[in-house]
Amino acid sequence: MKALLAQYGRTALWTYFGLFLLVLLGFAGAFTLGFSRAGWESGESLASASVLGAAYVATKLTQPLRILATVALTPVVARVLERWRPARER
């Protein structure tokens, strides 16, 4: 990961945190749907807090997979960003 940060800098960080946010929101959405189907009210603050807590724990458990995904995706993201950048900025 350190070598990736040294080579790609902010692109690697944005890719990592973007994946983190997507996974967190995905787990939160999945847990919310599960709690709603179980008959719990999703508007209750305790249920909302437990959904976010459970989503955070699940997201932390997937950290090794997210790091591998970051290593694999960062070069691709960097190439896409390089192509989108106007020619005079290169």
Protein backbone atom coordinates (compact mmCIF):
# COMPACT_ATOMS: atom_id res chain seq x y z
CA MET A 1 0.00 0.00 0.00
CA LYS A 2 2.90 2.37 0.76
CA ALA A 3 4.36 1.82 -2.70
CA LEU A 4 0.95 2.49 -4.24
CA LEU A 5 0.67 5.76 -2.30
CA ALA A 6 4.17 6.77 -3.35
CA GLN A 7 3.41 6.12 -7.01
CA TYR A 8 -0.20 7.36 -7.32
CA GLY A 9 -0.62 9.68 -4.32
CA ARG A 10 -4.08 11.22 -3.99
CA THR A 11 -5.54 8.93 -6.63
CA ALA A 12 -4.80 5.91 -4.43
CA LEU A 13 -6.32 7.61 -1.38
CA TRP A 14 -9.49 8.65 -3.24
CA THR A 15 -9.84 5.14 -4.64
CA TYR A 16 -9.47 3.58 -1.18
CA PHE A 17 -11.89 5.94 0.54
CA GLY A 18 -14.33 5.71 -2.36
CA LEU A 19 -14.38 1.93 -1.98
CA PHE A 20 -14.76 2.31 1.79
CA LEU A 21 -17.78 4.58 1.35
CA LEU A 22 -19.40 2.32 -1.26
CA VAL A 23 -18.97 -0.76 0.93
CA LEU A 24 -20.23 1.06 4.04
CA LEU A 25 -23.32 2.35 2.24
CA GLY A 26 -23.91 -1.05 0.68
CA PHE A 27 -23.85 -2.80 4.03
CA ALA A 28 -26.00 -0.10 5.63
CA GLY A 29 -28.56 -0.44 2.84
CA ALA A 30 -28.56 -4.21 3.08
CA PHE A 31 -28.95 -4.13 6.85
CA THR A 32 -31.70 -1.51 6.64
CA LEU A 33 -33.64 -3.69 4.23
CA GLY A 34 -33.11 -6.64 6.54
CA PHE A 35 -34.30 -4.70 9.60
CA SER A 36 -37.32 -3.37 7.71
CA ARG A 37 -38.33 -6.87 6.67
CA ALA A 38 -37.89 -8.09 10.22
CA GLY A 39 -40.56 -5.63 11.32
CA TRP A 40 -38.29 -3.00 12.88
CA GLU A 41 -38.97 0.63 12.18
CA SER A 42 -36.04 2.10 10.26
CA GLY A 43 -36.85 5.56 11.63
CA GLU A 44 -36.00 4.70 15.21
CA SER A 45 -32.70 6.20 16.32
CA LEU A 46 -31.57 3.01 18.05
CA ALA A 47 -32.20 0.96 14.93
CA SER A 48 -30.38 3.55 12.81
CA ALA A 49 -27.41 3.57 15.15
CA SER A 50 -27.24 -0.20 15.21
CA VAL A 51 -27.45 -0.33 11.40
CA LEU A 52 -24.54 2.11 11.06
CA GLY A 53 -22.55 0.29 13.74
CA ALA A 54 -23.11 -3.09 12.12
CA ALA A 55 -22.28 -1.65 8.68
CA TYR A 56 -19.03 -0.17 10.04
CA VAL A 57 -17.99 -3.47 11.63
CA ALA A 58 -18.80 -5.37 8.43
CA THR A 59 -16.85 -2.80 6.41
CA LYS A 60 -13.82 -3.15 8.70
CA LEU A 61 -13.98 -6.93 8.29
CA THR A 62 -13.68 -6.49 4.53
CA GLN A 63 -10.60 -4.27 4.82
CA PRO A 64 -8.12 -6.80 3.39
CA LEU A 65 -10.37 -7.24 0.35
CA ARG A 66 -10.74 -3.48 -0.04
CA ILE A 67 -6.96 -3.04 0.08
CA LEU A 68 -6.56 -5.67 -2.66
CA ALA A 69 -9.27 -3.94 -4.70
CA THR A 70 -7.52 -0.60 -4.21
CA VAL A 71 -4.22 -2.05 -5.44
CA ALA A 72 -5.96 -3.49 -8.49
CA LEU A 73 -8.16 -0.49 -9.31
CA THR A 74 -5.84 2.46 -8.65
CA PRO A 75 -3.80 2.08 -11.87
CA VAL A 76 -7.04 1.83 -13.85
CA VAL A 77 -8.49 4.90 -12.16
CA ALA A 78 -5.25 6.81 -12.77
CA ARG A 79 -5.34 5.93 -16.50
CA VAL A 80 -8.98 7.02 -16.79
CA LEU A 81 -8.25 10.30 -15.02
CA GLU A 82 -5.23 10.88 -17.27
CA ARG A 83 -7.39 10.46 -20.37
CA TRP A 84 -10.05 12.83 -19.03
CA ARG A 85 -7.49 15.51 -18.20
CA PRO A 86 -7.22 18.16 -20.93
CA ALA A 87 -4.09 17.98 -23.09
CA ARG A 88 -2.59 21.26 -21.85
CA GLU A 89 -2.61 20.04 -18.21
CA ARG A 90 -0.52 16.96 -19.05
